[in-house]
Amino acid sequence: MRLPLVSRIVTDLLDVLFPARCPGCGETIPGGDEERGLICEACIEAMRQVRLEPRARVVEGLPVIAACAYEPPLTALVPAAKSTLRPVLLEPLAGELMTVLSLAGLAEYAEILVPVPLHPARLRERGYNQAEVLARLLGQVLERPVAARALKRVANTPPQKQAGRRERLQAIEGAFAVGPEGERVRSLRVLLIDDVVTTGATLAAARRALAALKPVGVLAAAVAMTILSKTRY
């Protein structure tokens, strides 16, 4: 439906005064967010250039599939989605992950999706859990339920960006426990969702907490990965 003339003039004026900028590269997005999307075409294409080969990789004993290498523009897009209170930025990232899951033949694996939880203090600070947003976006496409509270984070571990594998494993040990929705995943195939995989320590700790519920299997999926081979698709 076309906007009334006055509304279109106001919209055009706002685009001039406050142009929409791509969080991946900072360039102006012609037409604004609503008409052209939240990420510019150049960054969409750049994401495809760093897309990983569509297969699961074993990380800390857990099969993990990631859409892209954690390189530009993902190194700007993922933090932007977490720091700007704009979870809608996760929609195109979830689309990339869905594409790779389909290409890998793993789209039908999950019977239920479980996001890696944030500690309540971190959740209050951020306002939402990016892993839960991703899980719900994927769940809609896959037509699978999401158990957002199957796990709970009981330790508020500090950011581990500069930590090595050993430090991450030590810091995250015991950080998760079974949550109030835990019984929903018992004896099912679980797709464990996070945004970025670095060493795999967080996913491995979450999987260990899920083990008490005896799931049939656990496959982890993430938008981006910083470890292992960066073989492109």
Foldseek 3Di string as FASTA:
>chain_A
DDDPPVVVVVQVVCCVVPFQAAQQPRHGAPPHCPPQHNHHPVQLVVQQVFFFQLAFDQFPNATEGAGGACDGSNVRQVVCCQPVVPLVSCLVLLVSLCVSCVVHVNLQQFQEEEEQDAAPVVCVVRVHASQVSSRVSSCVVSVHYYDDFQKHFPDNFDDCPPPDPVVLLVRCAPRMAGGPSVLVQAQTEYEYTDAEAERCNSVVNVVVRSVVSPYVYYYYYYSHYNDDDSHRD
